[in-house]
PDB file of all heavy atoms in Angstrom:
ATOM      1  N   PRO A   1      15.985 -25.329  -5.570  1.00  0.00           N
ATOM      2  CA  PRO A   1      14.756 -25.110  -4.811  1.00  0.00           C
ATOM      3  C   PRO A   1      15.074 -24.321  -3.536  1.00  0.00           C
ATOM      4  O   PRO A   1      16.057 -24.601  -2.863  1.00  0.00           O
ATOM      5  CB  PRO A   1      14.299 -26.536  -4.474  1.00  0.00           C
ATOM      6  CG  PRO A   1      14.950 -27.401  -5.511  1.00  0.00           C
ATOM      7  CD  PRO A   1      16.248 -26.762  -5.829  1.00  0.00           C
ATOM      8  N   GLU A   2      14.240 -23.337  -3.217  1.00  0.00           N
ATOM      9  CA  GLU A   2      14.517 -22.477  -2.074  1.00  0.00           C
ATOM     10  C   GLU A   2      14.585 -23.259  -0.762  1.00  0.00           C
ATOM     11  O   GLU A   2      15.356 -22.914   0.127  1.00  0.00           O
ATOM     12  CB  GLU A   2      13.448 -21.385  -1.974  1.00  0.00           C
ATOM     13  CG  GLU A   2      13.763 -20.302  -0.974  1.00  0.00           C
ATOM     14  CD  GLU A   2      12.744 -19.180  -0.996  1.00  0.00           C
ATOM     15  OE1 GLU A   2      12.888 -18.277  -1.836  1.00  0.00           O
ATOM     16  OE2 GLU A   2      11.803 -19.235  -0.168  1.00  0.00           O
ATOM     17  N   ASP A   3      13.805 -24.344  -0.661  1.00  0.00           N
ATOM     18  CA  ASP A   3      13.789 -25.120   0.576  1.00  0.00           C
ATOM     19  C   ASP A   3      14.868 -26.193   0.631  1.00  0.00           C
ATOM     20  O   ASP A   3      15.057 -26.837   1.664  1.00  0.00           O
ATOM     21  CB  ASP A   3      12.415 -25.757   0.797  1.00  0.00           C
ATOM     22  CG  ASP A   3      12.001 -26.692  -0.342  1.00  0.00           C
ATOM     23  OD1 ASP A   3      12.660 -26.660  -1.397  1.00  0.00           O
ATOM     24  OD2 ASP A   3      11.022 -27.439  -0.176  1.00  0.00           O
ATOM     25  N   ALA A   4      15.610 -26.375  -0.486  1.00  0.00           N
ATOM     26  CA  ALA A   4      16.678 -27.388  -0.505  1.00  0.00           C
ATOM     27  C   ALA A   4      17.703 -27.031  -1.591  1.00  0.00           C
ATOM     28  O   ALA A   4      17.848 -27.727  -2.584  1.00  0.00           O
ATOM     29  CB  ALA A   4      16.085 -28.772  -0.762  1.00  0.00           C
ATOM     30  N   PRO A   5      18.435 -25.932  -1.402  1.00  0.00           N
ATOM     31  CA  PRO A   5      19.334 -25.443  -2.464  1.00  0.00           C
ATOM     32  C   PRO A   5      20.688 -26.136  -2.539  1.00  0.00           C
ATOM     33  O   PRO A   5      21.418 -25.963  -3.503  1.00  0.00           O
ATOM     34  CB  PRO A   5      19.521 -23.976  -2.089  1.00  0.00           C
ATOM     35  CG  PRO A   5      19.426 -23.964  -0.595  1.00  0.00           C
ATOM     36  CD  PRO A   5      18.408 -25.024  -0.249  1.00  0.00           C
ATOM     37  N   MET A   6      21.040 -26.932  -1.524  1.00  0.00           N
ATOM     38  CA  MET A   6      22.415 -27.393  -1.395  1.00  0.00           C
ATOM     39  C   MET A   6      22.883 -28.286  -2.555  1.00  0.00           C
ATOM     40  O   MET A   6      23.965 -28.094  -3.125  1.00  0.00           O
ATOM     41  CB  MET A   6      22.608 -28.121  -0.070  1.00  0.00           C
ATOM     42  CG  MET A   6      24.047 -28.521   0.203  1.00  0.00           C
ATOM     43  SD  MET A   6      24.251 -29.182   1.877  1.00  0.00           S
ATOM     44  CE  MET A   6      26.005 -29.515   1.885  1.00  0.00           C
ATOM     45  N   ALA A   7      22.073 -29.277  -2.921  1.00  0.00           N
ATOM     46  CA  ALA A   7      22.501 -30.251  -3.908  1.00  0.00           C
ATOM     47  C   ALA A   7      22.833 -29.608  -5.263  1.00  0.00           C
ATOM     48  O   ALA A   7      23.868 -29.906  -5.865  1.00  0.00           O
ATOM     49  CB  ALA A   7      21.431 -31.328  -4.093  1.00  0.00           C
ATOM     50  N   VAL A   8      21.957 -28.720  -5.715  1.00  0.00           N
ATOM     51  CA  VAL A   8      22.184 -28.047  -7.005  1.00  0.00           C
ATOM     52  C   VAL A   8      23.434 -27.163  -6.930  1.00  0.00           C
ATOM     53  O   VAL A   8      24.238 -27.125  -7.860  1.00  0.00           O
ATOM     54  CB  VAL A   8      20.939 -27.231  -7.407  1.00  0.00           C
ATOM     55  CG1 VAL A   8      21.253 -26.310  -8.572  1.00  0.00           C
ATOM     56  CG2 VAL A   8      19.788 -28.161  -7.756  1.00  0.00           C
ATOM     57  N   HIS A   9      23.602 -26.446  -5.819  1.00  0.00           N
ATOM     58  CA  HIS A   9      24.810 -25.628  -5.654  1.00  0.00           C
ATOM     59  C   HIS A   9      26.078 -26.491  -5.682  1.00  0.00           C
ATOM     60  O   HIS A   9      27.063 -26.109  -6.326  1.00  0.00           O
ATOM     61  CB  HIS A   9      24.755 -24.845  -4.355  1.00  0.00           C
ATOM     62  CG  HIS A   9      23.977 -23.570  -4.427  1.00  0.00           C
ATOM     63  ND1 HIS A   9      22.600 -23.529  -4.377  1.00  0.00           N
ATOM     64  CD2 HIS A   9      24.385 -22.280  -4.575  1.00  0.00           C
ATOM     65  CE1 HIS A   9      22.195 -22.263  -4.485  1.00  0.00           C
ATOM     66  NE2 HIS A   9      23.256 -21.487  -4.612  1.00  0.00           N
ATOM     67  N   LEU A  10      26.051 -27.620  -5.009  1.00  0.00           N
ATOM     68  CA  LEU A  10      27.242 -28.477  -4.972  1.00  0.00           C
ATOM     69  C   LEU A  10      27.599 -28.983  -6.377  1.00  0.00           C
ATOM     70  O   LEU A  10      28.772 -29.043  -6.740  1.00  0.00           O
ATOM     71  CB  LEU A  10      27.021 -29.647  -4.027  1.00  0.00           C
ATOM     72  CG  LEU A  10      27.056 -29.329  -2.537  1.00  0.00           C
ATOM     73  CD1 LEU A  10      26.684 -30.559  -1.713  1.00  0.00           C
ATOM     74  CD2 LEU A  10      28.440 -28.812  -2.125  1.00  0.00           C
ATOM     75  N   ILE A  11      26.594 -29.327  -7.162  1.00  0.00           N
ATOM     76  CA  ILE A  11      26.850 -29.823  -8.514  1.00  0.00           C
ATOM     77  C   ILE A  11      27.457 -28.715  -9.381  1.00  0.00           C
ATOM     78  O   ILE A  11      28.488 -28.915 -10.048  1.00  0.00           O
ATOM     79  CB  ILE A  11      25.551 -30.350  -9.156  1.00  0.00           C
ATOM     80  CG1 ILE A  11      25.080 -31.613  -8.437  1.00  0.00           C
ATOM     81  CG2 ILE A  11      25.762 -30.632 -10.651  1.00  0.00           C
ATOM     82  CD1 ILE A  11      23.636 -32.021  -8.776  1.00  0.00           C
ATOM     83  N   MET A  12      26.817 -27.548  -9.381  1.00  0.00           N
ATOM     84  CA  MET A  12      27.237 -26.499 -10.287  1.00  0.00           C
ATOM     85  C   MET A  12      28.503 -25.790  -9.803  1.00  0.00           C
ATOM     86  O   MET A  12      29.432 -25.545 -10.584  1.00  0.00           O
ATOM     87  CB  MET A  12      26.107 -25.512 -10.514  1.00  0.00           C
ATOM     88  CG  MET A  12      24.892 -26.188 -11.177  1.00  0.00           C
ATOM     89  SD  MET A  12      23.479 -25.116 -11.496  1.00  0.00           S
ATOM     90  CE  MET A  12      24.025 -24.238 -12.955  1.00  0.00           C
ATOM     91  N   LEU A  13      28.578 -25.474  -8.527  1.00  0.00           N
ATOM     92  CA  LEU A  13      29.801 -24.839  -8.007  1.00  0.00           C
ATOM     93  C   LEU A  13      30.960 -25.834  -8.005  1.00  0.00           C
ATOM     94  O   LEU A  13      32.120 -25.431  -8.149  1.00  0.00           O
ATOM     95  CB  LEU A  13      29.547 -24.305  -6.583  1.00  0.00           C
ATOM     96  CG  LEU A  13      28.568 -23.136  -6.480  1.00  0.00           C
ATOM     97  CD1 LEU A  13      28.330 -22.778  -5.019  1.00  0.00           C
ATOM     98  CD2 LEU A  13      29.060 -21.920  -7.257  1.00  0.00           C
ATOM     99  N   GLY A  14      30.639 -27.132  -7.865  1.00  0.00           N
ATOM    100  CA  GLY A  14      31.694 -28.151  -7.950  1.00  0.00           C
ATOM    101  C   GLY A  14      32.325 -28.206  -9.321  1.00  0.00           C
ATOM    102  O   GLY A  14      33.493 -28.596  -9.463  1.00  0.00           O
ATOM    103  N   ALA A  15      31.569 -27.796 -10.343  1.00  0.00           N
ATOM    104  CA  ALA A  15      32.103 -27.692 -11.711  1.00  0.00           C
ATOM    105  C   ALA A  15      32.645 -26.291 -11.986  1.00  0.00           C
ATOM    106  O   ALA A  15      32.955 -25.967 -13.132  1.00  0.00           O
ATOM    107  CB  ALA A  15      31.006 -28.036 -12.703  1.00  0.00           C
ATOM    108  N   GLU A  16      32.742 -25.465 -10.944  1.00  0.00           N
ATOM    109  CA  GLU A  16      33.248 -24.086 -11.013  1.00  0.00           C
ATOM    110  C   GLU A  16      32.403 -23.193 -11.921  1.00  0.00           C
ATOM    111  O   GLU A  16      32.892 -22.243 -12.519  1.00  0.00           O
ATOM    112  CB  GLU A  16      34.725 -24.041 -11.398  1.00  0.00           C
ATOM    113  CG  GLU A  16      35.630 -24.714 -10.376  1.00  0.00           C
ATOM    114  CD  GLU A  16      37.082 -24.320 -10.507  1.00  0.00           C
ATOM    115  OE1 GLU A  16      37.461 -23.675 -11.502  1.00  0.00           O
ATOM    116  OE2 GLU A  16      37.855 -24.678  -9.592  1.00  0.00           O
ATOM    117  N   ILE A  17      31.104 -23.511 -12.007  1.00  0.00           N
ATOM    118  CA  ILE A  17      30.177 -22.624 -12.720  1.00  0.00           C
ATOM    119  C   ILE A  17      29.832 -21.465 -11.797  1.00  0.00           C
ATOM    120  O   ILE A  17      29.391 -21.675 -10.667  1.00  0.00           O
ATOM    121  CB  ILE A  17      28.873 -23.376 -13.109  1.00  0.00           C
ATOM    122  CG1 ILE A  17      29.196 -24.546 -14.051  1.00  0.00           C
ATOM    123  CG2 ILE A  17      27.865 -22.423 -13.743  1.00  0.00           C
ATOM    124  CD1 ILE A  17      28.006 -25.476 -14.271  1.00  0.00           C
ATOM    125  N   VAL A  18      30.041 -20.251 -12.261  1.00  0.00           N
ATOM    126  CA  VAL A  18      29.645 -19.079 -11.493  1.00  0.00           C
ATOM    127  C   VAL A  18      28.126 -18.982 -11.523  1.00  0.00           C
ATOM    128  O   VAL A  18      27.494 -19.148 -12.569  1.00  0.00           O
ATOM    129  CB  VAL A  18      30.271 -17.802 -12.083  1.00  0.00           C
ATOM    130  CG1 VAL A  18      29.592 -16.568 -11.524  1.00  0.00           C
ATOM    131  CG2 VAL A  18      31.763 -17.757 -11.796  1.00  0.00           C
ATOM    132  N   LEU A  19      27.531 -18.726 -10.364  1.00  0.00           N
ATOM    133  CA  LEU A  19      26.074 -18.571 -10.281  1.00  0.00           C
ATOM    134  C   LEU A  19      25.738 -17.101 -10.093  1.00  0.00           C
ATOM    135  O   LEU A  19      26.151 -16.468  -9.122  1.00  0.00           O
ATOM    136  CB  LEU A  19      25.538 -19.391  -9.101  1.00  0.00           C
ATOM    137  CG  LEU A  19      25.857 -20.894  -9.173  1.00  0.00           C
ATOM    138  CD1 LEU A  19      25.274 -21.612  -7.965  1.00  0.00           C
ATOM    139  CD2 LEU A  19      25.365 -21.519 -10.477  1.00  0.00           C
ATOM    140  N   LEU A  20      24.993 -16.556 -11.046  1.00  0.00           N
ATOM    141  CA  LEU A  20      24.556 -15.159 -11.036  1.00  0.00           C
ATOM    142  C   LEU A  20      23.085 -15.153 -10.651  1.00  0.00           C
ATOM    143  O   LEU A  20      22.227 -15.480 -11.469  1.00  0.00           O
ATOM    144  CB  LEU A  20      24.782 -14.533 -12.407  1.00  0.00           C
ATOM    145  CG  LEU A  20      24.228 -13.123 -12.656  1.00  0.00           C
ATOM    146  CD1 LEU A  20      24.807 -12.119 -11.679  1.00  0.00           C
ATOM    147  CD2 LEU A  20      24.507 -12.704 -14.100  1.00  0.00           C
ATOM    148  N   GLU A  21      22.797 -14.799  -9.415  1.00  0.00           N
ATOM    149  CA  GLU A  21      21.456 -14.937  -8.882  1.00  0.00           C
ATOM    150  C   GLU A  21      20.788 -13.574  -8.675  1.00  0.00           C
ATOM    151  O   GLU A  21      21.453 -12.580  -8.406  1.00  0.00           O
ATOM    152  CB  GLU A  21      21.500 -15.710  -7.555  1.00  0.00           C
ATOM    153  CG  GLU A  21      22.046 -17.121  -7.748  1.00  0.00           C
ATOM    154  CD  GLU A  21      22.319 -17.851  -6.447  1.00  0.00           C
ATOM    155  OE1 GLU A  21      22.651 -17.205  -5.433  1.00  0.00           O
ATOM    156  OE2 GLU A  21      22.214 -19.095  -6.452  1.00  0.00           O
ATOM    157  N   GLY A  22      19.448 -13.571  -8.793  1.00  0.00           N
ATOM    158  CA  GLY A  22      18.700 -12.357  -8.542  1.00  0.00           C
ATOM    159  C   GLY A  22      18.744 -11.322  -9.644  1.00  0.00           C
ATOM    160  O   GLY A  22      18.616 -10.133  -9.406  1.00  0.00           O
ATOM    161  N   ILE A  23      18.922 -11.772 -10.898  1.00  0.00           N
ATOM    162  CA  ILE A  23      18.915 -10.835 -12.025  1.00  0.00           C
ATOM    163  C   ILE A  23      17.473 -10.512 -12.423  1.00  0.00           C
ATOM    164  O   ILE A  23      16.530 -11.172 -11.964  1.00  0.00           O
ATOM    165  CB  ILE A  23      19.703 -11.393 -13.235  1.00  0.00           C
ATOM    166  CG1 ILE A  23      19.187 -12.778 -13.649  1.00  0.00           C
ATOM    167  CG2 ILE A  23      21.187 -11.413 -12.942  1.00  0.00           C
ATOM    168  CD1 ILE A  23      19.874 -13.374 -14.859  1.00  0.00           C
ATOM    169  N   ARG A  24      17.296  -9.506 -13.258  1.00  0.00           N
ATOM    170  CA  ARG A  24      15.980  -9.076 -13.719  1.00  0.00           C
ATOM    171  C   ARG A  24      15.979  -8.983 -15.239  1.00  0.00           C
ATOM    172  O   ARG A  24      16.678  -8.145 -15.823  1.00  0.00           O
ATOM    173  CB  ARG A  24      15.614  -7.714 -13.092  1.00  0.00           C
ATOM    174  CG  ARG A  24      15.399  -7.798 -11.581  1.00  0.00           C
ATOM    175  CD  ARG A  24      14.162  -8.616 -11.266  1.00  0.00           C
ATOM    176  NE  ARG A  24      13.932  -8.788  -9.839  1.00  0.00           N
ATOM    177  CZ  ARG A  24      14.312  -9.854  -9.142  1.00  0.00           C
ATOM    178  NH1 ARG A  24      14.952 -10.845  -9.732  1.00  0.00           N
ATOM    179  NH2 ARG A  24      14.026  -9.956  -7.853  1.00  0.00           N
ATOM    180  N   LEU A  25      15.191  -9.862 -15.883  1.00  0.00           N
ATOM    181  CA  LEU A  25      15.243  -9.983 -17.346  1.00  0.00           C
ATOM    182  C   LEU A  25      13.912  -9.667 -18.027  1.00  0.00           C
ATOM    183  O   LEU A  25      13.739  -9.983 -19.189  1.00  0.00           O
ATOM    184  CB  LEU A  25      15.676 -11.407 -17.714  1.00  0.00           C
ATOM    185  CG  LEU A  25      17.085 -11.817 -17.261  1.00  0.00           C
ATOM    186  CD1 LEU A  25      17.294 -13.311 -17.481  1.00  0.00           C
ATOM    187  CD2 LEU A  25      18.138 -11.031 -18.023  1.00  0.00           C
ATOM    188  N   SER A  26      12.986  -9.030 -17.338  1.00  0.00           N
ATOM    189  CA  SER A  26      11.659  -8.808 -17.909  1.00  0.00           C
ATOM    190  C   SER A  26      11.680  -7.964 -19.183  1.00  0.00           C
ATOM    191  O   SER A  26      10.830  -8.123 -20.048  1.00  0.00           O
ATOM    192  CB  SER A  26      10.744  -8.138 -16.872  1.00  0.00           C
ATOM    193  OG  SER A  26      11.246  -6.869 -16.500  1.00  0.00           O
ATOM    194  N   GLU A  27      12.684  -7.083 -19.318  1.00  0.00           N
ATOM    195  CA  GLU A  27      12.779  -6.220 -20.505  1.00  0.00           C
ATOM    196  C   GLU A  27      13.659  -6.800 -21.589  1.00  0.00           C
ATOM    197  O   GLU A  27      13.860  -6.163 -22.637  1.00  0.00           O
ATOM    198  CB  GLU A  27      13.330  -4.848 -20.089  1.00  0.00           C
ATOM    199  CG  GLU A  27      12.535  -4.132 -19.012  1.00  0.00           C
ATOM    200  CD  GLU A  27      11.100  -3.872 -19.423  1.00  0.00           C
ATOM    201  OE1 GLU A  27      10.889  -3.457 -20.581  1.00  0.00           O
ATOM    202  OE2 GLU A  27      10.193  -4.104 -18.606  1.00  0.00           O
ATOM    203  N   VAL A  28      14.172  -8.016 -21.371  1.00  0.00           N
ATOM    204  CA  VAL A  28      15.159  -8.602 -22.288  1.00  0.00           C
ATOM    205  C   VAL A  28      14.528  -9.728 -23.083  1.00  0.00           C
ATOM    206  O   VAL A  28      13.933 -10.649 -22.516  1.00  0.00           O
ATOM    207  CB  VAL A  28      16.371  -9.130 -21.502  1.00  0.00           C
ATOM    208  CG1 VAL A  28      17.420  -9.721 -22.435  1.00  0.00           C
ATOM    209  CG2 VAL A  28      16.983  -7.998 -20.652  1.00  0.00           C
ATOM    210  N   GLU A  29      14.664  -9.700 -24.399  1.00  0.00           N
ATOM    211  CA  GLU A  29      14.186 -10.781 -25.260  1.00  0.00           C
ATOM    212  C   GLU A  29      15.190 -11.932 -25.255  1.00  0.00           C
ATOM    213  O   GLU A  29      16.381 -11.741 -24.985  1.00  0.00           O
ATOM    214  CB  GLU A  29      13.988 -10.274 -26.690  1.00  0.00           C
ATOM    215  CG  GLU A  29      12.965  -9.158 -26.828  1.00  0.00           C
ATOM    216  CD  GLU A  29      11.553  -9.606 -26.517  1.00  0.00           C
ATOM    217  OE1 GLU A  29      11.247 -10.808 -26.746  1.00  0.00           O
ATOM    218  OE2 GLU A  29      10.755  -8.774 -26.051  1.00  0.00           O
ATOM    219  N   ASP A  30      14.714 -13.124 -25.567  1.00  0.00           N
ATOM    220  CA  ASP A  30      15.616 -14.271 -25.698  1.00  0.00           C
ATOM    221  C   ASP A  30      16.644 -14.003 -26.794  1.00  0.00           C
ATOM    222  O   ASP A  30      16.331 -13.346 -27.807  1.00  0.00           O
ATOM    223  CB  ASP A  30      14.830 -15.540 -26.055  1.00  0.00           C
ATOM    224  CG  ASP A  30      14.007 -16.036 -24.884  1.00  0.00           C
ATOM    225  OD1 ASP A  30      13.823 -15.289 -23.911  1.00  0.00           O
ATOM    226  OD2 ASP A  30      13.537 -17.195 -24.958  1.00  0.00           O
ATOM    227  N   GLY A  31      17.845 -14.509 -26.606  1.00  0.00           N
ATOM    228  CA  GLY A  31      18.882 -14.335 -27.624  1.00  0.00           C
ATOM    229  C   GLY A  31      20.251 -14.117 -27.010  1.00  0.00           C
ATOM    230  O   GLY A  31      20.452 -14.292 -25.807  1.00  0.00           O
ATOM    231  N   VAL A  32      21.191 -13.721 -27.863  1.00  0.00           N
ATOM    232  CA  VAL A  32      22.588 -13.554 -27.458  1.00  0.00           C
ATOM    233  C   VAL A  32      22.877 -12.092 -27.151  1.00  0.00           C
ATOM    234  O   VAL A  32      22.483 -11.194 -27.900  1.00  0.00           O
ATOM    235  CB  VAL A  32      23.542 -14.047 -28.564  1.00  0.00           C
ATOM    236  CG1 VAL A  32      25.001 -13.885 -28.139  1.00  0.00           C
ATOM    237  CG2 VAL A  32      23.252 -15.522 -28.887  1.00  0.00           C
ATOM    238  N   TYR A  33      23.584 -11.875 -26.052  1.00  0.00           N
ATOM    239  CA  TYR A  33      23.977 -10.532 -25.599  1.00  0.00           C
ATOM    240  C   TYR A  33      25.423 -10.592 -25.114  1.00  0.00           C
ATOM    241  O   TYR A  33      25.988 -11.671 -24.934  1.00  0.00           O
ATOM    242  CB  TYR A  33      23.079 -10.043 -24.459  1.00  0.00           C
ATOM    243  CG  TYR A  33      21.635  -9.910 -24.824  1.00  0.00           C
ATOM    244  CD1 TYR A  33      20.786 -11.020 -24.791  1.00  0.00           C
ATOM    245  CD2 TYR A  33      21.101  -8.677 -25.210  1.00  0.00           C
ATOM    246  CE1 TYR A  33      19.445 -10.908 -25.147  1.00  0.00           C
ATOM    247  CE2 TYR A  33      19.759  -8.558 -25.558  1.00  0.00           C
ATOM    248  CZ  TYR A  33      18.952  -9.669 -25.535  1.00  0.00           C
ATOM    249  OH  TYR A  33      17.614  -9.560 -25.879  1.00  0.00           O
TER     250      TYR A  33
END
């Protein structure tokens, strides 16, 4: 959540998940790439 991003970041970054933010997928269909 934009007003409280810390908890989610700590969980995911704590598991060393890379966060790719601000992407644009409007032209992309669901599926594997």
